C-alpha atoms as a PDB file:
ATOM      1  CA  UNK A   1      17.518  23.432  -0.239  1.00  0.00           C
ATOM      2  CA  UNK A   2      18.495  25.546  -3.220  1.00  0.00           C
ATOM      3  CA  UNK A   3      17.623  22.974  -5.533  1.00  0.00           C
ATOM      4  CA  UNK A   4      13.973  22.447  -3.945  1.00  0.00           C
ATOM      5  CA  UNK A   5      13.773  26.434  -4.103  1.00  0.00           C
ATOM      6  CA  UNK A   6      14.476  26.876  -7.822  1.00  0.00           C
ATOM      7  CA  UNK A   7      13.055  24.029  -9.188  1.00  0.00           C
ATOM      8  CA  UNK A   8      10.106  23.826  -6.866  1.00  0.00           C
ATOM      9  CA  UNK A   9       7.510  23.539  -9.916  1.00  0.00           C
ATOM     10  CA  UNK A  10       9.510  20.304 -11.066  1.00  0.00           C
ATOM     11  CA  UNK A  11       9.275  19.123  -7.360  1.00  0.00           C
ATOM     12  CA  UNK A  12       5.524  20.019  -6.939  1.00  0.00           C
ATOM     13  CA  UNK A  13       4.802  17.786  -9.962  1.00  0.00           C
ATOM     14  CA  UNK A  14       6.847  15.013  -8.813  1.00  0.00           C
ATOM     15  CA  UNK A  15       5.097  15.306  -5.274  1.00  0.00           C
ATOM     16  CA  UNK A  16       1.586  15.011  -7.220  1.00  0.00           C
ATOM     17  CA  UNK A  17       2.706  11.716  -9.144  1.00  0.00           C
ATOM     18  CA  UNK A  18       3.956  10.296  -6.078  1.00  0.00           C
ATOM     19  CA  UNK A  19       0.692  11.021  -4.060  1.00  0.00           C
ATOM     20  CA  UNK A  20      -1.123   9.779  -7.382  1.00  0.00           C
ATOM     21  CA  UNK A  21       0.856   6.548  -7.143  1.00  0.00           C
ATOM     22  CA  UNK A  22       0.392   5.906  -3.505  1.00  0.00           C
ATOM     23  CA  UNK A  23      -3.235   6.924  -3.393  1.00  0.00           C
ATOM     24  CA  UNK A  24      -3.942   3.906  -6.260  1.00  0.00           C
ATOM     25  CA  UNK A  25      -1.520   1.538  -4.304  1.00  0.00           C
ATOM     26  CA  UNK A  26      -3.083   2.221  -0.871  1.00  0.00           C
ATOM     27  CA  UNK A  27      -6.568   1.600  -1.820  1.00  0.00           C
ATOM     28  CA  UNK A  28      -5.939  -1.367  -3.836  1.00  0.00           C
ATOM     29  CA  UNK A  29      -4.104  -3.114  -0.891  1.00  0.00           C
ATOM     30  CA  UNK A  30      -6.332  -2.346   1.816  1.00  0.00           C
ATOM     31  CA  UNK A  31      -8.996  -3.823  -0.246  1.00  0.00           C
ATOM     32  CA  UNK A  32      -7.053  -7.047  -1.353  1.00  0.00           C
ATOM     33  CA  UNK A  33      -5.416  -7.240   1.851  1.00  0.00           C
ATOM     34  CA  UNK A  34      -8.743  -7.481   3.897  1.00  0.00           C
ATOM     35  CA  UNK A  35     -10.038  -9.859   1.029  1.00  0.00           C
ATOM     36  CA  UNK A  36      -6.993 -11.934   1.639  1.00  0.00           C
ATOM     37  CA  UNK A  37      -7.378 -11.684   5.466  1.00  0.00           C
ATOM     38  CA  UNK A  38     -10.884 -13.202   5.010  1.00  0.00           C
ATOM     39  CA  UNK A  39      -9.355 -15.953   3.034  1.00  0.00           C
ATOM     40  CA  UNK A  40      -7.091 -16.915   5.715  1.00  0.00           C
ATOM     41  CA  UNK A  41     -10.104 -17.359   8.276  1.00  0.00           C
ATOM     42  CA  UNK A  42     -12.343 -18.755   5.661  1.00  0.00           C
ATOM     43  CA  UNK A  43     -13.622 -22.461   6.586  1.00  0.00           C
ATOM     44  CA  UNK A  44     -12.909 -23.267   3.099  1.00  0.00           C
ATOM     45  CA  UNK A  45      -9.177 -24.972   2.548  1.00  0.00           C
ATOM     46  CA  UNK A  46      -8.831 -23.911  -1.012  1.00  0.00           C
ATOM     47  CA  UNK A  47      -9.412 -20.135   0.246  1.00  0.00           C
ATOM     48  CA  UNK A  48      -7.103 -20.583   3.313  1.00  0.00           C
ATOM     49  CA  UNK A  49      -4.485 -21.851   0.919  1.00  0.00           C
ATOM     50  CA  UNK A  50      -4.834 -18.931  -1.511  1.00  0.00           C
ATOM     51  CA  UNK A  51      -4.480 -16.410   1.303  1.00  0.00           C
ATOM     52  CA  UNK A  52      -1.505 -18.187   3.029  1.00  0.00           C
ATOM     53  CA  UNK A  53       0.481 -19.037  -0.524  1.00  0.00           C
ATOM     54  CA  UNK A  54      -0.026 -15.364  -1.158  1.00  0.00           C
ATOM     55  CA  UNK A  55       1.332 -13.995   2.293  1.00  0.00           C
ATOM     56  CA  UNK A  56       4.108 -16.184   2.302  1.00  0.00           C
ATOM     57  CA  UNK A  57       5.364 -15.456  -1.332  1.00  0.00           C
ATOM     58  CA  UNK A  58       5.178 -11.672  -1.192  1.00  0.00           C
ATOM     59  CA  UNK A  59       5.925 -10.936   2.072  1.00  0.00           C
ATOM     60  CA  UNK A  60       9.080 -13.127   1.689  1.00  0.00           C
ATOM     61  CA  UNK A  61      10.046 -11.612  -1.753  1.00  0.00           C
ATOM     62  CA  UNK A  62      11.936  -8.146  -2.414  1.00  0.00           C
ATOM     63  CA  UNK A  63       9.790  -5.475  -3.853  1.00  0.00           C
ATOM     64  CA  UNK A  64      12.162  -5.075  -6.631  1.00  0.00           C
ATOM     65  CA  UNK A  65      11.509  -8.769  -7.780  1.00  0.00           C
ATOM     66  CA  UNK A  66       7.637  -8.184  -7.494  1.00  0.00           C
ATOM     67  CA  UNK A  67       7.888  -5.074  -9.704  1.00  0.00           C
ATOM     68  CA  UNK A  68      10.359  -6.599 -11.877  1.00  0.00           C
ATOM     69  CA  UNK A  69       7.576  -9.460 -12.612  1.00  0.00           C
ATOM     70  CA  UNK A  70       4.810  -7.183 -13.159  1.00  0.00           C
ATOM     71  CA  UNK A  71       6.763  -4.736 -15.586  1.00  0.00           C
ATOM     72  CA  UNK A  72       8.736  -6.839 -17.604  1.00  0.00           C
ATOM     73  CA  UNK A  73       7.460 -10.996 -16.757  1.00  0.00           C
ATOM     74  CA  UNK A  74       3.704 -10.732 -17.139  1.00  0.00           C
ATOM     75  CA  UNK A  75       3.647  -9.088 -20.728  1.00  0.00           C
ATOM     76  CA  UNK A  76       5.398 -11.845 -21.857  1.00  0.00           C
ATOM     77  CA  UNK A  77       2.705 -14.194 -20.604  1.00  0.00           C
ATOM     78  CA  UNK A  78      -0.032 -12.022 -22.149  1.00  0.00           C
ATOM     79  CA  UNK A  79      -0.856  -9.709 -19.299  1.00  0.00           C
ATOM     80  CA  UNK A  80      -0.636  -6.084 -20.520  1.00  0.00           C
ATOM     81  CA  UNK A  81      -1.304  -3.097 -18.863  1.00  0.00           C
ATOM     82  CA  UNK A  82      -2.947   0.039 -20.277  1.00  0.00           C
ATOM     83  CA  UNK A  83      -0.627   3.291 -19.945  1.00  0.00           C
ATOM     84  CA  UNK A  84      -1.367   6.005 -17.737  1.00  0.00           C
ATOM     85  CA  UNK A  85      -0.868   9.719 -19.316  1.00  0.00           C
ATOM     86  CA  UNK A  86       1.419   8.145 -21.763  1.00  0.00           C
ATOM     87  CA  UNK A  87       3.358   6.197 -18.995  1.00  0.00           C
ATOM     88  CA  UNK A  88       3.636   2.518 -19.591  1.00  0.00           C
ATOM     89  CA  UNK A  89       5.043   1.891 -16.214  1.00  0.00           C
ATOM     90  CA  UNK A  90       2.523   3.403 -14.097  1.00  0.00           C
ATOM     91  CA  UNK A  91       0.045   0.394 -13.738  1.00  0.00           C
ATOM     92  CA  UNK A  92       2.444  -2.272 -13.363  1.00  0.00           C
ATOM     93  CA  UNK A  93       4.238  -0.207 -10.504  1.00  0.00           C
ATOM     94  CA  UNK A  94       0.703   0.394  -9.009  1.00  0.00           C
ATOM     95  CA  UNK A  95      -0.109  -3.527  -9.456  1.00  0.00           C
ATOM     96  CA  UNK A  96       3.236  -4.507  -7.958  1.00  0.00           C
ATOM     97  CA  UNK A  97       3.082  -2.157  -4.967  1.00  0.00           C
ATOM     98  CA  UNK A  98      -0.499  -3.335  -4.297  1.00  0.00           C
ATOM     99  CA  UNK A  99       0.391  -6.836  -4.275  1.00  0.00           C
ATOM    100  CA  UNK A 100       3.444  -6.558  -2.172  1.00  0.00           C
ATOM    101  CA  UNK A 101       1.609  -4.610   0.330  1.00  0.00           C
ATOM    102  CA  UNK A 102      -1.415  -6.475   0.622  1.00  0.00           C
ATOM    103  CA  UNK A 103       0.520  -9.279   2.272  1.00  0.00           C
ATOM    104  CA  UNK A 104       1.103  -7.192   4.961  1.00  0.00           C
ATOM    105  CA  UNK A 105      -2.417  -5.701   5.372  1.00  0.00           C
ATOM    106  CA  UNK A 106      -3.661  -9.158   5.285  1.00  0.00           C
ATOM    107  CA  UNK A 107      -1.558 -10.164   8.301  1.00  0.00           C
ATOM    108  CA  UNK A 108      -2.554  -6.984  10.099  1.00  0.00           C
ATOM    109  CA  UNK A 109      -6.684  -7.610   9.493  1.00  0.00           C
ATOM    110  CA  UNK A 110      -5.977 -11.196  10.435  1.00  0.00           C
ATOM    111  CA  UNK A 111      -4.506 -10.225  13.578  1.00  0.00           C
ATOM    112  CA  UNK A 112      -7.573  -7.962  14.180  1.00  0.00           C
ATOM    113  CA  UNK A 113     -10.218 -10.790  13.427  1.00  0.00           C
ATOM    114  CA  UNK A 114      -8.637 -12.941  15.659  1.00  0.00           C
ATOM    115  CA  UNK A 115      -8.541 -10.507  18.324  1.00  0.00           C
ATOM    116  CA  UNK A 116     -12.125 -10.131  18.383  1.00  0.00           C
ATOM    117  CA  UNK A 117     -13.815 -12.698  21.072  1.00  0.00           C
ATOM    118  CA  UNK A 118     -14.938 -15.980  19.179  1.00  0.00           C
ATOM    119  CA  UNK A 119     -18.098 -16.195  21.142  1.00  0.00           C
ATOM    120  CA  UNK A 120     -19.508 -13.289  18.998  1.00  0.00           C
ATOM    121  CA  UNK A 121     -18.973 -15.428  15.950  1.00  0.00           C
ATOM    122  CA  UNK A 122     -20.689 -18.186  17.563  1.00  0.00           C
ATOM    123  CA  UNK A 123     -23.348 -16.225  18.748  1.00  0.00           C
ATOM    124  CA  UNK A 124     -24.156 -15.177  14.955  1.00  0.00           C
ATOM    125  CA  UNK A 125     -23.924 -18.688  13.676  1.00  0.00           C
ATOM    126  CA  UNK A 126     -26.377 -19.637  16.255  1.00  0.00           C
ATOM    127  CA  UNK A 127     -28.783 -17.294  14.815  1.00  0.00           C
ATOM    128  CA  UNK A 128     -28.235 -18.365  11.379  1.00  0.00           C
ATOM    129  CA  UNK A 129     -25.837 -15.931   9.951  1.00  0.00           C
ATOM    130  CA  UNK A 130     -23.507 -17.272   7.402  1.00  0.00           C
ATOM    131  CA  UNK A 131     -19.894 -17.165   7.317  1.00  0.00           C
ATOM    132  CA  UNK A 132     -19.923 -13.962   5.225  1.00  0.00           C
ATOM    133  CA  UNK A 133     -22.668 -12.126   7.070  1.00  0.00           C
ATOM    134  CA  UNK A 134     -20.760 -12.943  10.214  1.00  0.00           C
ATOM    135  CA  UNK A 135     -17.335 -11.919   8.719  1.00  0.00           C
ATOM    136  CA  UNK A 136     -18.829  -8.501   7.189  1.00  0.00           C
ATOM    137  CA  UNK A 137     -21.461  -7.525  10.077  1.00  0.00           C
ATOM    138  CA  UNK A 138     -19.951  -8.512  13.144  1.00  0.00           C
ATOM    139  CA  UNK A 139     -16.115  -9.296  13.071  1.00  0.00           C
ATOM    140  CA  UNK A 140     -14.609  -7.137  10.518  1.00  0.00           C
ATOM    141  CA  UNK A 141     -16.161  -3.938  11.980  1.00  0.00           C
ATOM    142  CA  UNK A 142     -14.773  -4.763  15.303  1.00  0.00           C
ATOM    143  CA  UNK A 143     -11.360  -6.015  13.749  1.00  0.00           C
ATOM    144  CA  UNK A 144     -10.564  -2.739  11.625  1.00  0.00           C
ATOM    145  CA  UNK A 145     -10.960  -0.624  14.687  1.00  0.00           C
ATOM    146  CA  UNK A 146      -8.199  -2.464  16.299  1.00  0.00           C
ATOM    147  CA  UNK A 147      -5.700  -2.565  13.491  1.00  0.00           C
ATOM    148  CA  UNK A 148      -5.674   1.031  12.681  1.00  0.00           C
ATOM    149  CA  UNK A 149      -2.028   1.605  14.116  1.00  0.00           C
ATOM    150  CA  UNK A 150      -0.439  -1.436  12.277  1.00  0.00           C
ATOM    151  CA  UNK A 151      -2.164  -0.491   9.154  1.00  0.00           C
ATOM    152  CA  UNK A 152      -1.118   2.982   9.423  1.00  0.00           C
ATOM    153  CA  UNK A 153       2.440   1.936   9.669  1.00  0.00           C
ATOM    154  CA  UNK A 154       2.009  -0.626   6.788  1.00  0.00           C
ATOM    155  CA  UNK A 155       0.346   2.346   4.550  1.00  0.00           C
ATOM    156  CA  UNK A 156       3.614   4.878   5.498  1.00  0.00           C
ATOM    157  CA  UNK A 157       5.993   1.912   4.625  1.00  0.00           C
ATOM    158  CA  UNK A 158       4.368   1.737   1.249  1.00  0.00           C
ATOM    159  CA  UNK A 159       4.538   5.380   0.491  1.00  0.00           C
ATOM    160  CA  UNK A 160       8.465   5.133   1.222  1.00  0.00           C
ATOM    161  CA  UNK A 161       8.389   1.929  -0.942  1.00  0.00           C
ATOM    162  CA  UNK A 162       7.155   3.982  -3.824  1.00  0.00           C
ATOM    163  CA  UNK A 163      10.541   5.417  -4.156  1.00  0.00           C
ATOM    164  CA  UNK A 164      11.801   1.999  -5.679  1.00  0.00           C
ATOM    165  CA  UNK A 165       8.506   2.099  -8.205  1.00  0.00           C
ATOM    166  CA  UNK A 166      10.189   5.177  -9.865  1.00  0.00           C
ATOM    167  CA  UNK A 167      13.311   3.091 -10.441  1.00  0.00           C
ATOM    168  CA  UNK A 168      11.208   1.347 -13.202  1.00  0.00           C
ATOM    169  CA  UNK A 169      10.451   4.198 -15.255  1.00  0.00           C
ATOM    170  CA  UNK A 170       7.140   5.589 -13.552  1.00  0.00           C
ATOM    171  CA  UNK A 171       7.739   9.240 -14.966  1.00  0.00           C
ATOM    172  CA  UNK A 172       6.523  12.328 -12.813  1.00  0.00           C
ATOM    173  CA  UNK A 173       7.175  10.836  -9.341  1.00  0.00           C
ATOM    174  CA  UNK A 174       9.680  12.185  -7.014  1.00  0.00           C
ATOM    175  CA  UNK A 175      12.547   9.587  -8.037  1.00  0.00           C
ATOM    176  CA  UNK A 176      12.247  10.564 -11.623  1.00  0.00           C
ATOM    177  CA  UNK A 177      12.707  14.283 -10.340  1.00  0.00           C
ATOM    178  CA  UNK A 178      15.791  13.194  -8.545  1.00  0.00           C
ATOM    179  CA  UNK A 179      17.290  11.475 -11.786  1.00  0.00           C
ATOM    180  CA  UNK A 180      16.368  14.335 -14.063  1.00  0.00           C
ATOM    181  CA  UNK A 181      18.062  17.076 -11.759  1.00  0.00           C
ATOM    182  CA  UNK A 182      21.142  15.021 -10.989  1.00  0.00           C
ATOM    183  CA  UNK A 183      21.493  14.353 -14.672  1.00  0.00           C
ATOM    184  CA  UNK A 184      22.172  18.463 -15.242  1.00  0.00           C
ATOM    185  CA  UNK A 185      24.767  18.555 -12.601  1.00  0.00           C
ATOM    186  CA  UNK A 186      23.555  21.969 -11.911  1.00  0.00           C
ATOM    187  CA  UNK A 187      22.666  21.041  -8.068  1.00  0.00           C
ATOM    188  CA  UNK A 188      24.503  18.747  -5.416  1.00  0.00           C
ATOM    189  CA  UNK A 189      22.972  15.311  -4.906  1.00  0.00           C
ATOM    190  CA  UNK A 190      22.653  16.240  -1.222  1.00  0.00           C
ATOM    191  CA  UNK A 191      20.583  19.451  -2.264  1.00  0.00           C
ATOM    192  CA  UNK A 192      18.377  17.380  -4.508  1.00  0.00           C
ATOM    193  CA  UNK A 193      17.924  14.347  -1.879  1.00  0.00           C
ATOM    194  CA  UNK A 194      16.905  16.989   0.585  1.00  0.00           C
ATOM    195  CA  UNK A 195      14.144  18.309  -1.451  1.00  0.00           C
ATOM    196  CA  UNK A 196      12.948  14.813  -2.179  1.00  0.00           C
ATOM    197  CA  UNK A 197      13.269  13.721   1.521  1.00  0.00           C
ATOM    198  CA  UNK A 198      11.321  16.980   2.424  1.00  0.00           C
ATOM    199  CA  UNK A 199       8.702  16.129   0.050  1.00  0.00           C
ATOM    200  CA  UNK A 200       8.333  12.475   1.193  1.00  0.00           C
ATOM    201  CA  UNK A 201       7.955  14.277   4.783  1.00  0.00           C
ATOM    202  CA  UNK A 202       5.036  16.418   3.597  1.00  0.00           C
ATOM    203  CA  UNK A 203       2.967  13.165   2.455  1.00  0.00           C
ATOM    204  CA  UNK A 204       4.173  10.854   5.577  1.00  0.00           C
ATOM    205  CA  UNK A 205       3.879  13.392   8.515  1.00  0.00           C
ATOM    206  CA  UNK A 206       0.285  14.431   7.823  1.00  0.00           C
ATOM    207  CA  UNK A 207      -0.659  10.833   6.948  1.00  0.00           C
ATOM    208  CA  UNK A 208       0.843   9.840  10.615  1.00  0.00           C
ATOM    209  CA  UNK A 209      -1.440  12.639  12.223  1.00  0.00           C
ATOM    210  CA  UNK A 210      -4.634  11.725  10.362  1.00  0.00           C
ATOM    211  CA  UNK A 211      -4.235   8.219  11.238  1.00  0.00           C
ATOM    212  CA  UNK A 212      -3.269   9.080  14.899  1.00  0.00           C
ATOM    213  CA  UNK A 213      -6.602  10.893  14.647  1.00  0.00           C
ATOM    214  CA  UNK A 214      -8.679   8.324  13.294  1.00  0.00           C
ATOM    215  CA  UNK A 215      -7.242   5.828  15.931  1.00  0.00           C
ATOM    216  CA  UNK A 216      -8.370   8.324  18.830  1.00  0.00           C
ATOM    217  CA  UNK A 217     -11.625   9.043  17.578  1.00  0.00           C
ATOM    218  CA  UNK A 218     -12.138   5.372  17.223  1.00  0.00           C
ATOM    219  CA  UNK A 219     -11.136   4.283  20.721  1.00  0.00           C
ATOM    220  CA  UNK A 220     -13.695   6.914  22.005  1.00  0.00           C
ATOM    221  CA  UNK A 221     -16.502   5.130  20.329  1.00  0.00           C
ATOM    222  CA  UNK A 222     -15.485   1.645  21.862  1.00  0.00           C
END
């Protein structure tokens, strides 16, 4: 705790950096994961193949490998990310974390889609709605209500996985705070890691509470 108290401004900056990284990745993974879930249930075989391939590859790959490919392999084939506040690894970190998490979001949303009674989709098609209209206006609104708990678990896991992103040079996050303070040798590793753990709990516990409140609110509306 002594490191957290003495170096509070540094921990606060790392907290904000991690929170910013997680917000970008959360939004990206939720959007991409929902699109991939739509691909998984699409009547078009090529789209189903894309969704299945994405989930199979990323869900069965270590996050470290995905981040390595985004940070070092993609630039070799001409895919370059802009810098963020002078940090060249921020957007590759966001891209890797988003691509990895989207695979798990996809499966959670797909499970919610499959939980909607098929008769509703059949009725929508009977009145002339297209697949996109049926999915967007009939199926997805009901499916997303049922997948709040698993999506919450996926997002909280993503927040914890953001520590791995910091190992690839994303400056200003909690991992960089840990590395900087341990390099000074002024504090014990236990004291520094305790401060980092408290900062992560400050993010994950309110997120879990907010998701629980959202789940209860949705249940009342059913």
